[in-house]
Amino acid sequence: MTVITLKGKIDKKGVLSIKHPAFSPEKEVEVTVVIEESKTYDFSDLASKLSWRGDGLAWQKKIRNEWD
């Protein structure tokens, strides 16, 4: 048994094409498809809860100067 991991993209029609030079024509194979769901986070619960006191630009310049 040979295991090959490939990444592909499903087109707009729902078709996934897999081409690899090691594949033999007309040979039966077993294919496993793993689809990772994208997780989006709803930041609305943080709205108006984070506050910044001070000048953000001045703070960035200060910490960047620490690298020099």
PDB file of N, CA and C in Angstrom:
ATOM      1  N   MET A   1       0.850  -1.179   0.000  1.00  0.00           N
ATOM      2  CA  MET A   1       0.000   0.000   0.000  1.00  0.00           C
ATOM      3  C   MET A   1       0.893   1.238   0.000  1.00  0.00           C
ATOM      4  N   THR A   2       0.515   2.221  -0.781  1.00  0.00           N
ATOM      5  CA  THR A   2       1.200   3.501  -0.847  1.00  0.00           C
ATOM      6  C   THR A   2       0.245   4.583  -0.378  1.00  0.00           C
ATOM      7  N   VAL A   3       0.729   5.475   0.478  1.00  0.00           N
ATOM      8  CA  VAL A   3      -0.091   6.587   0.963  1.00  0.00           C
ATOM      9  C   VAL A   3       0.467   7.878   0.393  1.00  0.00           C
ATOM     10  N   ILE A   4      -0.370   8.638  -0.284  1.00  0.00           N
ATOM     11  CA  ILE A   4       0.016   9.925  -0.861  1.00  0.00           C
ATOM     12  C   ILE A   4      -0.975  10.961  -0.357  1.00  0.00           C
ATOM     13  N   THR A   5      -0.464  12.057   0.177  1.00  0.00           N
ATOM     14  CA  THR A   5      -1.325  13.144   0.639  1.00  0.00           C
ATOM     15  C   THR A   5      -1.203  14.305  -0.334  1.00  0.00           C
ATOM     16  N   LEU A   6      -2.318  14.725  -0.878  1.00  0.00           N
ATOM     17  CA  LEU A   6      -2.351  15.834  -1.820  1.00  0.00           C
ATOM     18  C   LEU A   6      -3.394  16.839  -1.363  1.00  0.00           C
ATOM     19  N   LYS A   7      -3.175  18.084  -1.686  1.00  0.00           N
ATOM     20  CA  LYS A   7      -4.184  19.108  -1.436  1.00  0.00           C
ATOM     21  C   LYS A   7      -4.751  19.536  -2.776  1.00  0.00           C
ATOM     22  N   GLY A   8      -6.045  19.709  -2.819  1.00  0.00           N
ATOM     23  CA  GLY A   8      -6.696  20.126  -4.049  1.00  0.00           C
ATOM     24  C   GLY A   8      -7.748  21.165  -3.751  1.00  0.00           C
ATOM     25  N   LYS A   9      -8.346  21.665  -4.793  1.00  0.00           N
ATOM     26  CA  LYS A   9      -9.387  22.667  -4.645  1.00  0.00           C
ATOM     27  C   LYS A   9     -10.619  22.201  -5.406  1.00  0.00           C
ATOM     28  N   ILE A  10     -11.748  22.275  -4.738  1.00  0.00           N
ATOM     29  CA  ILE A  10     -13.008  21.902  -5.364  1.00  0.00           C
ATOM     30  C   ILE A  10     -13.497  23.098  -6.174  1.00  0.00           C
ATOM     31  N   ASP A  11     -13.810  22.873  -7.448  1.00  0.00           N
ATOM     32  CA  ASP A  11     -14.239  23.995  -8.294  1.00  0.00           C
ATOM     33  C   ASP A  11     -15.694  24.369  -8.022  1.00  0.00           C
ATOM     34  N   LYS A  12     -16.178  25.374  -8.747  1.00  0.00           N
ATOM     35  CA  LYS A  12     -17.535  25.890  -8.533  1.00  0.00           C
ATOM     36  C   LYS A  12     -18.611  24.849  -8.789  1.00  0.00           C
ATOM     37  N   LYS A  13     -18.285  23.847  -9.592  1.00  0.00           N
ATOM     38  CA  LYS A  13     -19.246  22.784  -9.897  1.00  0.00           C
ATOM     39  C   LYS A  13     -19.180  21.643  -8.887  1.00  0.00           C
ATOM     40  N   GLY A  14     -18.265  21.735  -7.922  1.00  0.00           N
ATOM     41  CA  GLY A  14     -18.130  20.684  -6.916  1.00  0.00           C
ATOM     42  C   GLY A  14     -17.237  19.543  -7.343  1.00  0.00           C
ATOM     43  N   VAL A  15     -16.394  19.777  -8.351  1.00  0.00           N
ATOM     44  CA  VAL A  15     -15.532  18.728  -8.888  1.00  0.00           C
ATOM     45  C   VAL A  15     -14.120  18.885  -8.327  1.00  0.00           C
ATOM     46  N   LEU A  16     -13.569  17.790  -7.841  1.00  0.00           N
ATOM     47  CA  LEU A  16     -12.195  17.743  -7.360  1.00  0.00           C
ATOM     48  C   LEU A  16     -11.409  16.833  -8.293  1.00  0.00           C
ATOM     49  N   SER A  17     -10.380  17.365  -8.932  1.00  0.00           N
ATOM     50  CA  SER A  17      -9.540  16.571  -9.836  1.00  0.00           C
ATOM     51  C   SER A  17      -8.210  16.308  -9.154  1.00  0.00           C
ATOM     52  N   ILE A  18      -7.772  15.065  -9.214  1.00  0.00           N
ATOM     53  CA  ILE A  18      -6.499  14.684  -8.613  1.00  0.00           C
ATOM     54  C   ILE A  18      -5.631  14.069  -9.702  1.00  0.00           C
ATOM     55  N   LYS A  19      -4.485  14.675  -9.929  1.00  0.00           N
ATOM     56  CA  LYS A  19      -3.540  14.158 -10.921  1.00  0.00           C
ATOM     57  C   LYS A  19      -2.180  14.020 -10.243  1.00  0.00           C
ATOM     58  N   HIS A  20      -1.540  12.892 -10.460  1.00  0.00           N
ATOM     59  CA  HIS A  20      -0.216  12.663  -9.886  1.00  0.00           C
ATOM     60  C   HIS A  20       0.503  11.655 -10.782  1.00  0.00           C
ATOM     61  N   PRO A  21       1.783  11.870 -11.069  1.00  0.00           N
ATOM     62  CA  PRO A  21       2.489  10.959 -11.981  1.00  0.00           C
ATOM     63  C   PRO A  21       2.604   9.526 -11.451  1.00  0.00           C
ATOM     64  N   ALA A  22       2.474   9.314 -10.151  1.00  0.00           N
ATOM     65  CA  ALA A  22       2.598   7.963  -9.594  1.00  0.00           C
ATOM     66  C   ALA A  22       1.315   7.157  -9.744  1.00  0.00           C
ATOM     67  N   PHE A  23       0.218   7.787 -10.149  1.00  0.00           N
ATOM     68  CA  PHE A  23      -1.055   7.081 -10.291  1.00  0.00           C
ATOM     69  C   PHE A  23      -1.035   6.224 -11.552  1.00  0.00           C
ATOM     70  N   SER A  24      -1.453   4.983 -11.398  1.00  0.00           N
ATOM     71  CA  SER A  24      -1.563   4.083 -12.543  1.00  0.00           C
ATOM     72  C   SER A  24      -2.942   4.237 -13.157  1.00  0.00           C
ATOM     73  N   PRO A  25      -3.027   4.259 -14.482  1.00  0.00           N
ATOM     74  CA  PRO A  25      -4.344   4.379 -15.103  1.00  0.00           C
ATOM     75  C   PRO A  25      -5.185   3.133 -14.836  1.00  0.00           C
ATOM     76  N   GLU A  26      -6.477   3.350 -14.719  1.00  0.00           N
ATOM     77  CA  GLU A  26      -7.459   2.282 -14.553  1.00  0.00           C
ATOM     78  C   GLU A  26      -7.169   1.390 -13.349  1.00  0.00           C
ATOM     79  N   LYS A  27      -6.697   1.995 -12.268  1.00  0.00           N
ATOM     80  CA  LYS A  27      -6.456   1.243 -11.044  1.00  0.00           C
ATOM     81  C   LYS A  27      -7.436   1.744  -9.990  1.00  0.00           C
ATOM     82  N   GLU A  28      -8.005   0.831  -9.229  1.00  0.00           N
ATOM     83  CA  GLU A  28      -8.969   1.209  -8.204  1.00  0.00           C
ATOM     84  C   GLU A  28      -8.231   1.782  -6.993  1.00  0.00           C
ATOM     85  N   VAL A  29      -8.721   2.905  -6.483  1.00  0.00           N
ATOM     86  CA  VAL A  29      -8.108   3.558  -5.326  1.00  0.00           C
ATOM     87  C   VAL A  29      -9.193   3.903  -4.311  1.00  0.00           C
ATOM     88  N   GLU A  30      -8.768   4.140  -3.092  1.00  0.00           N
ATOM     89  CA  GLU A  30      -9.667   4.594  -2.039  1.00  0.00           C
ATOM     90  C   GLU A  30      -9.275   6.029  -1.699  1.00  0.00           C
ATOM     91  N   VAL A  31     -10.242   6.924  -1.702  1.00  0.00           N
ATOM     92  CA  VAL A  31      -9.979   8.343  -1.480  1.00  0.00           C
ATOM     93  C   VAL A  31     -10.711   8.796  -0.223  1.00  0.00           C
ATOM     94  N   THR A  32      -9.992   9.503   0.651  1.00  0.00           N
ATOM     95  CA  THR A  32     -10.589  10.107   1.835  1.00  0.00           C
ATOM     96  C   THR A  32     -10.479  11.611   1.691  1.00  0.00           C
ATOM     97  N   VAL A  33     -11.581  12.313   1.840  1.00  0.00           N
ATOM     98  CA  VAL A  33     -11.592  13.770   1.710  1.00  0.00           C
ATOM     99  C   VAL A  33     -11.834  14.369   3.089  1.00  0.00           C
ATOM    100  N   VAL A  34     -10.959  15.279   3.505  1.00  0.00           N
ATOM    101  CA  VAL A  34     -11.102  15.986   4.775  1.00  0.00           C
ATOM    102  C   VAL A  34     -11.343  17.449   4.454  1.00  0.00           C
ATOM    103  N   ILE A  35     -12.475  17.961   4.897  1.00  0.00           N
ATOM    104  CA  ILE A  35     -12.806  19.364   4.657  1.00  0.00           C
ATOM    105  C   ILE A  35     -12.761  20.088   5.991  1.00  0.00           C
ATOM    106  N   GLU A  36     -11.854  21.042   6.122  1.00  0.00           N
ATOM    107  CA  GLU A  36     -11.745  21.819   7.349  1.00  0.00           C
ATOM    108  C   GLU A  36     -12.701  22.993   7.271  1.00  0.00           C
ATOM    109  N   GLU A  37     -13.576  23.062   8.240  1.00  0.00           N
ATOM    110  CA  GLU A  37     -14.522  24.170   8.290  1.00  0.00           C
ATOM    111  C   GLU A  37     -13.806  25.404   8.821  1.00  0.00           C
ATOM    112  N   SER A  38     -14.038  26.529   8.181  1.00  0.00           N
ATOM    113  CA  SER A  38     -13.432  27.765   8.667  1.00  0.00           C
ATOM    114  C   SER A  38     -14.273  28.293   9.821  1.00  0.00           C
ATOM    115  N   LYS A  39     -13.604  28.622  10.902  1.00  0.00           N
ATOM    116  CA  LYS A  39     -14.286  29.129  12.081  1.00  0.00           C
ATOM    117  C   LYS A  39     -14.133  30.643  12.124  1.00  0.00           C
ATOM    118  N   THR A  40     -15.230  31.317  12.239  1.00  0.00           N
ATOM    119  CA  THR A  40     -15.179  32.768  12.364  1.00  0.00           C
ATOM    120  C   THR A  40     -15.612  33.136  13.771  1.00  0.00           C
ATOM    121  N   TYR A  41     -14.975  34.127  14.326  1.00  0.00           N
ATOM    122  CA  TYR A  41     -15.288  34.569  15.677  1.00  0.00           C
ATOM    123  C   TYR A  41     -16.108  35.836  15.611  1.00  0.00           C
ATOM    124  N   ASP A  42     -17.130  35.895  16.432  1.00  0.00           N
ATOM    125  CA  ASP A  42     -17.984  37.073  16.513  1.00  0.00           C
ATOM    126  C   ASP A  42     -17.416  37.989  17.597  1.00  0.00           C
ATOM    127  N   PHE A  43     -16.830  39.097  17.175  1.00  0.00           N
ATOM    128  CA  PHE A  43     -16.209  40.028  18.106  1.00  0.00           C
ATOM    129  C   PHE A  43     -17.200  41.012  18.713  1.00  0.00           C
ATOM    130  N   SER A  44     -18.472  40.876  18.416  1.00  0.00           N
ATOM    131  CA  SER A  44     -19.449  41.848  18.905  1.00  0.00           C
ATOM    132  C   SER A  44     -19.534  41.860  20.429  1.00  0.00           C
ATOM    133  N   ASP A  45     -19.193  40.745  21.088  1.00  0.00           N
ATOM    134  CA  ASP A  45     -19.238  40.740  22.545  1.00  0.00           C
ATOM    135  C   ASP A  45     -18.117  41.575  23.166  1.00  0.00           C
ATOM    136  N   LEU A  46     -17.100  41.927  22.378  1.00  0.00           N
ATOM    137  CA  LEU A  46     -16.011  42.763  22.878  1.00  0.00           C
ATOM    138  C   LEU A  46     -16.207  44.245  22.567  1.00  0.00           C
ATOM    139  N   ALA A  47     -17.197  44.556  21.775  1.00  0.00           N
ATOM    140  CA  ALA A  47     -17.424  45.949  21.378  1.00  0.00           C
ATOM    141  C   ALA A  47     -17.656  46.817  22.609  1.00  0.00           C
ATOM    142  N   SER A  48     -16.974  47.939  22.643  1.00  0.00           N
ATOM    143  CA  SER A  48     -17.071  48.934  23.724  1.00  0.00           C
ATOM    144  C   SER A  48     -16.532  48.435  25.054  1.00  0.00           C
ATOM    145  N   LYS A  49     -15.839  47.303  25.077  1.00  0.00           N
ATOM    146  CA  LYS A  49     -15.281  46.801  26.331  1.00  0.00           C
ATOM    147  C   LYS A  49     -13.780  47.014  26.407  1.00  0.00           C
ATOM    148  N   LEU A  50     -13.156  47.211  25.276  1.00  0.00           N
ATOM    149  CA  LEU A  50     -11.723  47.463  25.254  1.00  0.00           C
ATOM    150  C   LEU A  50     -11.494  48.959  25.114  1.00  0.00           C
ATOM    151  N   SER A  51     -10.621  49.461  25.942  1.00  0.00           N
ATOM    152  CA  SER A  51     -10.334  50.894  25.843  1.00  0.00           C
ATOM    153  C   SER A  51      -8.826  51.095  25.870  1.00  0.00           C
ATOM    154  N   TRP A  52      -8.386  52.146  25.236  1.00  0.00           N
ATOM    155  CA  TRP A  52      -6.967  52.475  25.178  1.00  0.00           C
ATOM    156  C   TRP A  52      -6.800  53.901  25.647  1.00  0.00           C
ATOM    157  N   ARG A  53      -5.955  54.052  26.620  1.00  0.00           N
ATOM    158  CA  ARG A  53      -5.655  55.395  27.117  1.00  0.00           C
ATOM    159  C   ARG A  53      -4.241  55.728  26.691  1.00  0.00           C
ATOM    160  N   GLY A  54      -4.105  56.729  25.916  1.00  0.00           N
ATOM    161  CA  GLY A  54      -2.788  57.126  25.452  1.00  0.00           C
ATOM    162  C   GLY A  54      -2.753  57.227  23.944  1.00  0.00           C
ATOM    163  N   ASP A  55      -1.576  57.556  23.453  1.00  0.00           N
ATOM    164  CA  ASP A  55      -1.368  57.736  22.021  1.00  0.00           C
ATOM    165  C   ASP A  55      -0.837  56.421  21.448  1.00  0.00           C
ATOM    166  N   GLY A  56      -1.642  55.752  20.638  1.00  0.00           N
ATOM    167  CA  GLY A  56      -1.252  54.467  20.074  1.00  0.00           C
ATOM    168  C   GLY A  56      -0.010  54.548  19.209  1.00  0.00           C
ATOM    169  N   LEU A  57       0.108  55.604  18.418  1.00  0.00           N
ATOM    170  CA  LEU A  57       1.269  55.771  17.545  1.00  0.00           C
ATOM    171  C   LEU A  57       2.538  55.967  18.364  1.00  0.00           C
ATOM    172  N   ALA A  58       2.474  56.767  19.409  1.00  0.00           N
ATOM    173  CA  ALA A  58       3.641  56.995  20.268  1.00  0.00           C
ATOM    174  C   ALA A  58       4.071  55.689  20.932  1.00  0.00           C
ATOM    175  N   TRP A  59       3.110  54.881  21.355  1.00  0.00           N
ATOM    176  CA  TRP A  59       3.423  53.611  21.991  1.00  0.00           C
ATOM    177  C   TRP A  59       4.119  52.672  21.009  1.00  0.00           C
ATOM    178  N   GLN A  60       3.616  52.607  19.760  1.00  0.00           N
ATOM    179  CA  GLN A  60       4.246  51.757  18.746  1.00  0.00           C
ATOM    180  C   GLN A  60       5.676  52.192  18.481  1.00  0.00           C
ATOM    181  N   LYS A  61       5.898  53.493  18.363  1.00  0.00           N
ATOM    182  CA  LYS A  61       7.255  53.993  18.117  1.00  0.00           C
ATOM    183  C   LYS A  61       8.173  53.642  19.277  1.00  0.00           C
ATOM    184  N   LYS A  62       7.658  53.726  20.506  1.00  0.00           N
ATOM    185  CA  LYS A  62       8.471  53.420  21.682  1.00  0.00           C
ATOM    186  C   LYS A  62       8.909  51.962  21.674  1.00  0.00           C
ATOM    187  N   ILE A  63       7.972  51.042  21.437  1.00  0.00           N
ATOM    188  CA  ILE A  63       8.362  49.630  21.484  1.00  0.00           C
ATOM    189  C   ILE A  63       9.237  49.250  20.297  1.00  0.00           C
ATOM    190  N   ARG A  64       9.069  49.920  19.165  1.00  0.00           N
ATOM    191  CA  ARG A  64       9.938  49.635  18.019  1.00  0.00           C
ATOM    192  C   ARG A  64      11.346  50.149  18.271  1.00  0.00           C
ATOM    193  N   ASN A  65      11.465  51.243  18.998  1.00  0.00           N
ATOM    194  CA  ASN A  65      12.791  51.764  19.328  1.00  0.00           C
ATOM    195  C   ASN A  65      13.536  50.821  20.263  1.00  0.00           C
ATOM    196  N   GLU A  66      12.813  49.983  20.998  1.00  0.00           N
ATOM    197  CA  GLU A  66      13.463  49.022  21.884  1.00  0.00           C
ATOM    198  C   GLU A  66      14.224  47.965  21.096  1.00  0.00           C
ATOM    199  N   TRP A  67      13.860  47.738  19.830  1.00  0.00           N
ATOM    200  CA  TRP A  67      14.539  46.744  19.015  1.00  0.00           C
ATOM    201  C   TRP A  67      15.891  47.239  18.510  1.00  0.00           C
ATOM    202  N   ASP A  68      16.060  48.529  18.453  1.00  0.00           N
ATOM    203  CA  ASP A  68      17.313  49.095  17.915  1.00  0.00           C
ATOM    204  C   ASP A  68      18.450  48.975  18.896  1.00  0.00           C
TER     205      ASP A  68
END
